[in-house]
């Protein structure tokens, strides 16, 4: 029967009496039947997954990309100047 409901699993315990020599085959047969039932009822079996991030190939920026980045940086500097003018610590430096 069901002995545990985990975060991402259901633990089922089955107790069977058999001859020791039949144990391995009985386990295989039982696992096969359980797997066939899971397939029949579209029950997925969770498994650990590993995500591998491969580094992308880097290329040098074009002249247009560099100009665009420089323009963006200048705009950000200008926008942040207004923020610092309201900073009382800046008043003490003047």
PDB file of N, CA and C in Angstrom:
ATOM      1  N   UNK A   1       0.817  -1.188   0.000  1.00  0.00           N
ATOM      2  CA  UNK A   1       0.000   0.000   0.000  1.00  0.00           C
ATOM      3  C   UNK A   1       0.858   1.247   0.000  1.00  0.00           C
ATOM      4  N   UNK A   2       0.209   2.381  -0.049  1.00  0.00           N
ATOM      5  CA  UNK A   2       0.884   3.683  -0.031  1.00  0.00           C
ATOM      6  C   UNK A   2       1.375   3.938   1.385  1.00  0.00           C
ATOM      7  N   UNK A   3       2.685   4.142   1.533  1.00  0.00           N
ATOM      8  CA  UNK A   3       3.253   4.377   2.865  1.00  0.00           C
ATOM      9  C   UNK A   3       3.739   5.808   3.047  1.00  0.00           C
ATOM     10  N   UNK A   4       3.860   6.556   1.938  1.00  0.00           N
ATOM     11  CA  UNK A   4       4.332   7.936   2.083  1.00  0.00           C
ATOM     12  C   UNK A   4       3.952   8.744   0.859  1.00  0.00           C
ATOM     13  N   UNK A   5       3.492   9.981   1.115  1.00  0.00           N
ATOM     14  CA  UNK A   5       3.253  10.954   0.058  1.00  0.00           C
ATOM     15  C   UNK A   5       4.323  12.027   0.193  1.00  0.00           C
ATOM     16  N   UNK A   6       5.297  12.017  -0.692  1.00  0.00           N
ATOM     17  CA  UNK A   6       6.375  12.996  -0.643  1.00  0.00           C
ATOM     18  C   UNK A   6       6.048  14.215  -1.483  1.00  0.00           C
ATOM     19  N   UNK A   7       6.974  15.178  -1.513  1.00  0.00           N
ATOM     20  CA  UNK A   7       6.785  16.392  -2.309  1.00  0.00           C
ATOM     21  C   UNK A   7       6.619  16.071  -3.790  1.00  0.00           C
ATOM     22  N   UNK A   8       7.384  15.115  -4.264  1.00  0.00           N
ATOM     23  CA  UNK A   8       7.307  14.761  -5.680  1.00  0.00           C
ATOM     24  C   UNK A   8       7.336  13.242  -5.872  1.00  0.00           C
ATOM     25  N   UNK A   9       6.755  12.517  -4.928  1.00  0.00           N
ATOM     26  CA  UNK A   9       6.766  11.063  -5.036  1.00  0.00           C
ATOM     27  C   UNK A   9       5.654  10.447  -4.197  1.00  0.00           C
ATOM     28  N   UNK A  10       5.315   9.228  -4.550  1.00  0.00           N
ATOM     29  CA  UNK A  10       4.405   8.402  -3.763  1.00  0.00           C
ATOM     30  C   UNK A  10       5.147   7.097  -3.511  1.00  0.00           C
ATOM     31  N   UNK A  11       5.350   6.744  -2.248  1.00  0.00           N
ATOM     32  CA  UNK A  11       6.061   5.512  -1.906  1.00  0.00           C
ATOM     33  C   UNK A  11       5.048   4.414  -1.646  1.00  0.00           C
ATOM     34  N   UNK A  12       5.214   3.330  -2.397  1.00  0.00           N
ATOM     35  CA  UNK A  12       4.324   2.178  -2.259  1.00  0.00           C
ATOM     36  C   UNK A  12       5.154   1.004  -1.753  1.00  0.00           C
ATOM     37  N   UNK A  13       4.620   0.288  -0.759  1.00  0.00           N
ATOM     38  CA  UNK A  13       5.324  -0.887  -0.241  1.00  0.00           C
ATOM     39  C   UNK A  13       4.478  -2.118  -0.549  1.00  0.00           C
ATOM     40  N   UNK A  14       5.138  -3.103  -1.144  1.00  0.00           N
ATOM     41  CA  UNK A  14       4.474  -4.363  -1.462  1.00  0.00           C
ATOM     42  C   UNK A  14       5.238  -5.474  -0.754  1.00  0.00           C
ATOM     43  N   UNK A  15       4.548  -6.288   0.011  1.00  0.00           N
ATOM     44  CA  UNK A  15       5.167  -7.385   0.735  1.00  0.00           C
ATOM     45  C   UNK A  15       4.671  -8.684   0.097  1.00  0.00           C
ATOM     46  N   UNK A  16       5.627  -9.523  -0.296  1.00  0.00           N
ATOM     47  CA  UNK A  16       5.288 -10.769  -0.974  1.00  0.00           C
ATOM     48  C   UNK A  16       6.090 -11.899  -0.356  1.00  0.00           C
ATOM     49  N   UNK A  17       5.460 -13.052  -0.199  1.00  0.00           N
ATOM     50  CA  UNK A  17       6.191 -14.236   0.254  1.00  0.00           C
ATOM     51  C   UNK A  17       6.496 -15.098  -0.970  1.00  0.00           C
ATOM     52  N   UNK A  18       7.764 -15.495  -1.070  1.00  0.00           N
ATOM     53  CA  UNK A  18       8.163 -16.349  -2.190  1.00  0.00           C
ATOM     54  C   UNK A  18       9.433 -17.105  -1.801  1.00  0.00           C
ATOM     55  N   UNK A  19       9.787 -18.063  -2.625  1.00  0.00           N
ATOM     56  CA  UNK A  19      11.062 -18.758  -2.422  1.00  0.00           C
ATOM     57  C   UNK A  19      12.195 -17.796  -2.759  1.00  0.00           C
ATOM     58  N   UNK A  20      13.301 -17.898  -2.025  1.00  0.00           N
ATOM     59  CA  UNK A  20      14.435 -16.990  -2.244  1.00  0.00           C
ATOM     60  C   UNK A  20      14.930 -17.057  -3.689  1.00  0.00           C
ATOM     61  N   UNK A  21      14.913 -18.224  -4.293  1.00  0.00           N
ATOM     62  CA  UNK A  21      15.391 -18.361  -5.672  1.00  0.00           C
ATOM     63  C   UNK A  21      14.500 -17.672  -6.688  1.00  0.00           C
ATOM     64  N   UNK A  22      13.247 -17.394  -6.326  1.00  0.00           N
ATOM     65  CA  UNK A  22      12.300 -16.729  -7.235  1.00  0.00           C
ATOM     66  C   UNK A  22      12.276 -15.214  -7.047  1.00  0.00           C
ATOM     67  N   UNK A  23      12.993 -14.724  -6.047  1.00  0.00           N
ATOM     68  CA  UNK A  23      12.896 -13.311  -5.651  1.00  0.00           C
ATOM     69  C   UNK A  23      13.259 -12.346  -6.767  1.00  0.00           C
ATOM     70  N   UNK A  24      14.389 -12.550  -7.426  1.00  0.00           N
ATOM     71  CA  UNK A  24      14.841 -11.609  -8.456  1.00  0.00           C
ATOM     72  C   UNK A  24      13.843 -11.540  -9.606  1.00  0.00           C
ATOM     73  N   UNK A  25      13.389 -12.683 -10.070  1.00  0.00           N
ATOM     74  CA  UNK A  25      12.420 -12.696 -11.177  1.00  0.00           C
ATOM     75  C   UNK A  25      11.095 -12.078 -10.751  1.00  0.00           C
ATOM     76  N   UNK A  26      10.682 -12.345  -9.518  1.00  0.00           N
ATOM     77  CA  UNK A  26       9.438 -11.771  -9.010  1.00  0.00           C
ATOM     78  C   UNK A  26       9.532 -10.239  -8.977  1.00  0.00           C
ATOM     79  N   UNK A  27      10.669  -9.708  -8.531  1.00  0.00           N
ATOM     80  CA  UNK A  27      10.862  -8.250  -8.504  1.00  0.00           C
ATOM     81  C   UNK A  27      10.757  -7.669  -9.907  1.00  0.00           C
ATOM     82  N   UNK A  28      11.434  -8.311 -10.874  1.00  0.00           N
ATOM     83  CA  UNK A  28      11.389  -7.821 -12.256  1.00  0.00           C
ATOM     84  C   UNK A  28       9.960  -7.850 -12.799  1.00  0.00           C
ATOM     85  N   UNK A  29       9.268  -8.938 -12.557  1.00  0.00           N
ATOM     86  CA  UNK A  29       7.888  -9.060 -13.046  1.00  0.00           C
ATOM     87  C   UNK A  29       6.979  -8.007 -12.415  1.00  0.00           C
ATOM     88  N   UNK A  30       7.144  -7.802 -11.126  1.00  0.00           N
ATOM     89  CA  UNK A  30       6.326  -6.828 -10.412  1.00  0.00           C
ATOM     90  C   UNK A  30       6.611  -5.409 -10.919  1.00  0.00           C
ATOM     91  N   UNK A  31       7.883  -5.079 -11.077  1.00  0.00           N
ATOM     92  CA  UNK A  31       8.244  -3.753 -11.596  1.00  0.00           C
ATOM     93  C   UNK A  31       7.682  -3.542 -12.999  1.00  0.00           C
ATOM     94  N   UNK A  32       7.730  -4.593 -13.825  1.00  0.00           N
ATOM     95  CA  UNK A  32       7.195  -4.490 -15.186  1.00  0.00           C
ATOM     96  C   UNK A  32       5.694  -4.224 -15.143  1.00  0.00           C
ATOM     97  N   UNK A  33       4.973  -4.944 -14.315  1.00  0.00           N
ATOM     98  CA  UNK A  33       3.523  -4.757 -14.224  1.00  0.00           C
ATOM     99  C   UNK A  33       3.172  -3.347 -13.738  1.00  0.00           C
ATOM    100  N   UNK A  34       3.916  -2.845 -12.765  1.00  0.00           N
ATOM    101  CA  UNK A  34       3.680  -1.489 -12.258  1.00  0.00           C
ATOM    102  C   UNK A  34       3.949  -0.476 -13.363  1.00  0.00           C
ATOM    103  N   UNK A  35       5.035  -0.651 -14.101  1.00  0.00           N
ATOM    104  CA  UNK A  35       5.364   0.261 -15.198  1.00  0.00           C
ATOM    105  C   UNK A  35       4.276   0.227 -16.266  1.00  0.00           C
ATOM    106  N   UNK A  36       3.765  -0.947 -16.610  1.00  0.00           N
ATOM    107  CA  UNK A  36       2.689  -1.050 -17.602  1.00  0.00           C
ATOM    108  C   UNK A  36       1.418  -0.335 -17.120  1.00  0.00           C
ATOM    109  N   UNK A  37       1.114  -0.444 -15.828  1.00  0.00           N
ATOM    110  CA  UNK A  37      -0.036   0.273 -15.273  1.00  0.00           C
ATOM    111  C   UNK A  37       0.178   1.791 -15.338  1.00  0.00           C
ATOM    112  N   UNK A  38       1.377   2.231 -14.997  1.00  0.00           N
ATOM    113  CA  UNK A  38       1.680   3.666 -15.080  1.00  0.00           C
ATOM    114  C   UNK A  38       1.513   4.155 -16.513  1.00  0.00           C
ATOM    115  N   UNK A  39       2.010   3.398 -17.473  1.00  0.00           N
ATOM    116  CA  UNK A  39       1.876   3.791 -18.881  1.00  0.00           C
ATOM    117  C   UNK A  39       0.408   3.823 -19.299  1.00  0.00           C
ATOM    118  N   UNK A  40      -0.361   2.840 -18.868  1.00  0.00           N
ATOM    119  CA  UNK A  40      -1.772   2.751 -19.231  1.00  0.00           C
ATOM    120  C   UNK A  40      -2.543   3.980 -18.750  1.00  0.00           C
ATOM    121  N   UNK A  41      -2.196   4.474 -17.568  1.00  0.00           N
ATOM    122  CA  UNK A  41      -2.911   5.610 -16.989  1.00  0.00           C
ATOM    123  C   UNK A  41      -2.127   6.923 -17.102  1.00  0.00           C
ATOM    124  N   UNK A  42      -1.156   6.958 -17.998  1.00  0.00           N
ATOM    125  CA  UNK A  42      -0.354   8.176 -18.258  1.00  0.00           C
ATOM    126  C   UNK A  42       0.232   8.777 -16.980  1.00  0.00           C
ATOM    127  N   UNK A  43       0.795   7.928 -16.142  1.00  0.00           N
ATOM    128  CA  UNK A  43       1.464   8.381 -14.923  1.00  0.00           C
ATOM    129  C   UNK A  43       2.946   8.469 -15.222  1.00  0.00           C
ATOM    130  N   UNK A  44       3.487   9.677 -15.134  1.00  0.00           N
ATOM    131  CA  UNK A  44       4.906   9.883 -15.402  1.00  0.00           C
ATOM    132  C   UNK A  44       5.761   9.524 -14.208  1.00  0.00           C
ATOM    133  N   UNK A  45       6.962   9.104 -14.479  1.00  0.00           N
ATOM    134  CA  UNK A  45       7.916   8.781 -13.423  1.00  0.00           C
ATOM    135  C   UNK A  45       8.935   9.914 -13.359  1.00  0.00           C
ATOM    136  N   UNK A  46       8.985  10.647 -12.229  1.00  0.00           N
ATOM    137  CA  UNK A  46       9.934  11.760 -12.146  1.00  0.00           C
ATOM    138  C   UNK A  46      11.371  11.244 -12.090  1.00  0.00           C
ATOM    139  N   UNK A  47      12.252  12.029 -12.661  1.00  0.00           N
ATOM    140  CA  UNK A  47      13.666  11.684 -12.624  1.00  0.00           C
ATOM    141  C   UNK A  47      14.461  12.966 -12.491  1.00  0.00           C
ATOM    142  N   UNK A  48      15.640  12.890 -11.890  1.00  0.00           N
ATOM    143  CA  UNK A  48      16.456  14.095 -11.734  1.00  0.00           C
ATOM    144  C   UNK A  48      16.890  14.621 -13.099  1.00  0.00           C
ATOM    145  N   UNK A  49      16.919  15.938 -13.223  1.00  0.00           N
ATOM    146  CA  UNK A  49      17.332  16.557 -14.468  1.00  0.00           C
ATOM    147  C   UNK A  49      18.510  17.478 -14.207  1.00  0.00           C
ATOM    148  N   UNK A  50      19.409  17.518 -15.152  1.00  0.00           N
ATOM    149  CA  UNK A  50      20.572  18.387 -15.060  1.00  0.00           C
ATOM    150  C   UNK A  50      20.529  19.346 -16.244  1.00  0.00           C
ATOM    151  N   UNK A  51      20.643  20.633 -15.970  1.00  0.00           N
ATOM    152  CA  UNK A  51      20.656  21.633 -17.021  1.00  0.00           C
ATOM    153  C   UNK A  51      22.103  22.035 -17.269  1.00  0.00           C
ATOM    154  N   UNK A  52      22.528  21.928 -18.497  1.00  0.00           N
ATOM    155  CA  UNK A  52      23.899  22.287 -18.858  1.00  0.00           C
ATOM    156  C   UNK A  52      23.847  23.535 -19.713  1.00  0.00           C
ATOM    157  N   UNK A  53      24.511  24.577 -19.257  1.00  0.00           N
ATOM    158  CA  UNK A  53      24.610  25.812 -20.025  1.00  0.00           C
ATOM    159  C   UNK A  53      25.950  25.835 -20.736  1.00  0.00           C
ATOM    160  N   UNK A  54      25.878  25.788 -22.050  1.00  0.00           N
ATOM    161  CA  UNK A  54      27.114  25.839 -22.818  1.00  0.00           C
ATOM    162  C   UNK A  54      27.441  27.299 -23.115  1.00  0.00           C
ATOM    163  N   UNK A  55      28.703  27.690 -22.961  1.00  0.00           N
ATOM    164  CA  UNK A  55      29.058  29.079 -23.241  1.00  0.00           C
ATOM    165  C   UNK A  55      28.830  29.396 -24.724  1.00  0.00           C
ATOM    166  N   UNK A  56      28.315  30.595 -24.956  1.00  0.00           N
ATOM    167  CA  UNK A  56      28.115  30.999 -26.347  1.00  0.00           C
ATOM    168  C   UNK A  56      29.410  31.580 -26.887  1.00  0.00           C
ATOM    169  N   UNK A  57      29.533  31.505 -28.166  1.00  0.00           N
ATOM    170  CA  UNK A  57      30.735  32.052 -28.795  1.00  0.00           C
ATOM    171  C   UNK A  57      30.642  33.567 -28.792  1.00  0.00           C
ATOM    172  N   UNK A  58      31.675  34.219 -28.383  1.00  0.00           N
ATOM    173  CA  UNK A  58      31.691  35.689 -28.319  1.00  0.00           C
ATOM    174  C   UNK A  58      32.265  36.245 -29.614  1.00  0.00           C
ATOM    175  N   UNK A  59      31.729  37.388 -30.021  1.00  0.00           N
ATOM    176  CA  UNK A  59      32.275  38.079 -31.173  1.00  0.00           C
ATOM    177  C   UNK A  59      32.513  39.524 -30.785  1.00  0.00           C
ATOM    178  N   UNK A  60      33.370  40.170 -31.496  1.00  0.00           N
ATOM    179  CA  UNK A  60      33.667  41.572 -31.210  1.00  0.00           C
ATOM    180  C   UNK A  60      32.511  42.438 -31.680  1.00  0.00           C
ATOM    181  N   UNK A  61      32.254  43.490 -30.932  1.00  0.00           N
ATOM    182  CA  UNK A  61      31.179  44.416 -31.290  1.00  0.00           C
ATOM    183  C   UNK A  61      31.573  45.204 -32.534  1.00  0.00           C
ATOM    184  N   UNK A  62      30.580  45.486 -33.348  1.00  0.00           N
ATOM    185  CA  UNK A  62      30.823  46.302 -34.538  1.00  0.00           C
ATOM    186  C   UNK A  62      30.953  47.752 -34.102  1.00  0.00           C
ATOM    187  N   UNK A  63      31.439  48.595 -35.002  1.00  0.00           N
ATOM    188  CA  UNK A  63      31.582  50.018 -34.699  1.00  0.00           C
ATOM    189  C   UNK A  63      30.222  50.629 -34.374  1.00  0.00           C
ATOM    190  N   UNK A  64      29.186  50.240 -35.108  1.00  0.00           N
ATOM    191  CA  UNK A  64      27.833  50.760 -34.855  1.00  0.00           C
ATOM    192  C   UNK A  64      27.346  50.336 -33.472  1.00  0.00           C
ATOM    193  N   UNK A  65      27.618  49.098 -33.069  1.00  0.00           N
ATOM    194  CA  UNK A  65      27.206  48.623 -31.748  1.00  0.00           C
ATOM    195  C   UNK A  65      27.947  49.377 -30.646  1.00  0.00           C
ATOM    196  N   UNK A  66      29.227  49.657 -30.871  1.00  0.00           N
ATOM    197  CA  UNK A  66      30.002  50.421 -29.883  1.00  0.00           C
ATOM    198  C   UNK A  66      29.442  51.830 -29.750  1.00  0.00           C
ATOM    199  N   UNK A  67      29.113  52.489 -30.885  1.00  0.00           N
ATOM    200  CA  UNK A  67      28.550  53.852 -30.833  1.00  0.00           C
ATOM    201  C   UNK A  67      27.210  53.839 -30.106  1.00  0.00           C
ATOM    202  N   UNK A  68      26.392  52.821 -30.385  1.00  0.00           N
ATOM    203  CA  UNK A  68      25.092  52.719 -29.734  1.00  0.00           C
ATOM    204  C   UNK A  68      25.257  52.537 -28.225  1.00  0.00           C
ATOM    205  N   UNK A  69      26.205  51.704 -27.804  1.00  0.00           N
ATOM    206  CA  UNK A  69      26.455  51.484 -26.382  1.00  0.00           C
ATOM    207  C   UNK A  69      26.982  52.751 -25.724  1.00  0.00           C
ATOM    208  N   UNK A  70      27.889  53.466 -26.398  1.00  0.00           N
ATOM    209  CA  UNK A  70      28.427  54.713 -25.851  1.00  0.00           C
ATOM    210  C   UNK A  70      27.319  55.749 -25.685  1.00  0.00           C
ATOM    211  N   UNK A  71      26.430  55.849 -26.686  1.00  0.00           N
ATOM    212  CA  UNK A  71      25.315  56.793 -26.616  1.00  0.00           C
ATOM    213  C   UNK A  71      24.404  56.441 -25.441  1.00  0.00           C
ATOM    214  N   UNK A  72      24.108  55.161 -25.276  1.00  0.00           N
ATOM    215  CA  UNK A  72      23.264  54.713 -24.170  1.00  0.00           C
ATOM    216  C   UNK A  72      23.909  55.055 -22.824  1.00  0.00           C
ATOM    217  N   UNK A  73      25.215  54.825 -22.702  1.00  0.00           N
ATOM    218  CA  UNK A  73      25.922  55.137 -21.453  1.00  0.00           C
ATOM    219  C   UNK A  73      25.855  56.622 -21.142  1.00  0.00           C
ATOM    220  N   UNK A  74      26.016  57.470 -22.146  1.00  0.00           N
ATOM    221  CA  UNK A  74      25.943  58.918 -21.938  1.00  0.00           C
ATOM    222  C   UNK A  74      24.543  59.325 -21.476  1.00  0.00           C
ATOM    223  N   UNK A  75      23.528  58.754 -22.105  1.00  0.00           N
ATOM    224  CA  UNK A  75      22.152  59.062 -21.706  1.00  0.00           C
ATOM    225  C   UNK A  75      21.906  58.656 -20.249  1.00  0.00           C
ATOM    226  N   UNK A  76      22.434  57.521 -19.851  1.00  0.00           N
ATOM    227  CA  UNK A  76      22.251  57.066 -18.473  1.00  0.00           C
ATOM    228  C   UNK A  76      22.977  57.977 -17.490  1.00  0.00           C
ATOM    229  N   UNK A  77      24.167  58.425 -17.859  1.00  0.00           N
ATOM    230  CA  UNK A  77      24.914  59.352 -16.988  1.00  0.00           C
ATOM    231  C   UNK A  77      24.152  60.650 -16.813  1.00  0.00           C
ATOM    232  N   UNK A  78      23.627  61.178 -17.923  1.00  0.00           N
ATOM    233  CA  UNK A  78      22.870  62.435 -17.855  1.00  0.00           C
ATOM    234  C   UNK A  78      21.611  62.265 -17.010  1.00  0.00           C
ATOM    235  N   UNK A  79      20.913  61.153 -17.171  1.00  0.00           N
ATOM    236  CA  UNK A  79      19.688  60.908 -16.402  1.00  0.00           C
ATOM    237  C   UNK A  79      19.994  60.770 -14.918  1.00  0.00           C
ATOM    238  N   UNK A  80      21.130  60.211 -14.575  1.00  0.00           N
ATOM    239  CA  UNK A  80      21.456  60.017 -13.163  1.00  0.00           C
ATOM    240  C   UNK A  80      21.974  61.285 -12.510  1.00  0.00           C
ATOM    241  N   UNK A  81      22.424  62.269 -13.296  1.00  0.00           N
ATOM    242  CA  UNK A  81      22.905  63.532 -12.706  1.00  0.00           C
ATOM    243  C   UNK A  81      21.787  64.235 -11.967  1.00  0.00           C
ATOM    244  N   UNK A  82      20.564  64.190 -12.523  1.00  0.00           N
ATOM    245  CA  UNK A  82      19.427  64.828 -11.868  1.00  0.00           C
ATOM    246  C   UNK A  82      19.136  64.180 -10.520  1.00  0.00           C
ATOM    247  N   UNK A  83      19.345  62.915 -10.400  1.00  0.00           N
ATOM    248  CA  UNK A  83      19.093  62.202  -9.149  1.00  0.00           C
ATOM    249  C   UNK A  83      20.060  62.677  -8.082  1.00  0.00           C
ATOM    250  N   UNK A  84      21.316  62.836  -8.448  1.00  0.00           N
ATOM    251  CA  UNK A  84      22.330  63.223  -7.469  1.00  0.00           C
ATOM    252  C   UNK A  84      22.218  64.685  -7.069  1.00  0.00           C
ATOM    253  N   UNK A  85      21.631  65.560  -7.892  1.00  0.00           N
ATOM    254  CA  UNK A  85      21.483  66.972  -7.531  1.00  0.00           C
ATOM    255  C   UNK A  85      20.585  67.133  -6.320  1.00  0.00           C
ATOM    256  N   UNK A  86      19.629  66.192  -6.141  1.00  0.00           N
ATOM    257  CA  UNK A  86      18.718  66.256  -4.999  1.00  0.00           C
ATOM    258  C   UNK A  86      19.324  65.616  -3.750  1.00  0.00           C
ATOM    259  N   UNK A  87      20.484  65.002  -3.857  1.00  0.00           N
ATOM    260  CA  UNK A  87      21.122  64.306  -2.746  1.00  0.00           C
ATOM    261  C   UNK A  87      21.751  65.343  -1.815  1.00  0.00           C
ATOM    262  N   UNK A  88      21.343  65.424  -0.553  1.00  0.00           N
ATOM    263  CA  UNK A  88      21.895  66.421   0.378  1.00  0.00           C
ATOM    264  C   UNK A  88      23.399  66.255   0.596  1.00  0.00           C
ATOM    265  N   UNK A  89      23.910  65.061   0.430  1.00  0.00           N
ATOM    266  CA  UNK A  89      25.352  64.866   0.590  1.00  0.00           C
ATOM    267  C   UNK A  89      26.115  65.629  -0.484  1.00  0.00           C
ATOM    268  N   UNK A  90      25.525  65.786  -1.661  1.00  0.00           N
ATOM    269  CA  UNK A  90      26.171  66.522  -2.754  1.00  0.00           C
ATOM    270  C   UNK A  90      26.286  68.001  -2.390  1.00  0.00           C
ATOM    271  N   UNK A  91      25.275  68.541  -1.663  1.00  0.00           N
ATOM    272  CA  UNK A  91      25.283  69.944  -1.284  1.00  0.00           C
ATOM    273  C   UNK A  91      26.504  70.271  -0.420  1.00  0.00           C
ATOM    274  N   UNK A  92      26.893  69.356   0.440  1.00  0.00           N
ATOM    275  CA  UNK A  92      28.032  69.575   1.322  1.00  0.00           C
ATOM    276  C   UNK A  92      29.332  69.609   0.557  1.00  0.00           C
ATOM    277  N   UNK A  93      29.391  68.962  -0.600  1.00  0.00           N
ATOM    278  CA  UNK A  93      30.614  68.903  -1.386  1.00  0.00           C
ATOM    279  C   UNK A  93      30.856  70.177  -2.165  1.00  0.00           C
ATOM    280  N   UNK A  94      29.782  70.985  -2.397  1.00  0.00           N
ATOM    281  CA  UNK A  94      29.914  72.212  -3.194  1.00  0.00           C
ATOM    282  C   UNK A  94      30.582  73.315  -2.458  1.00  0.00           C
TER     283      UNK A  94
END
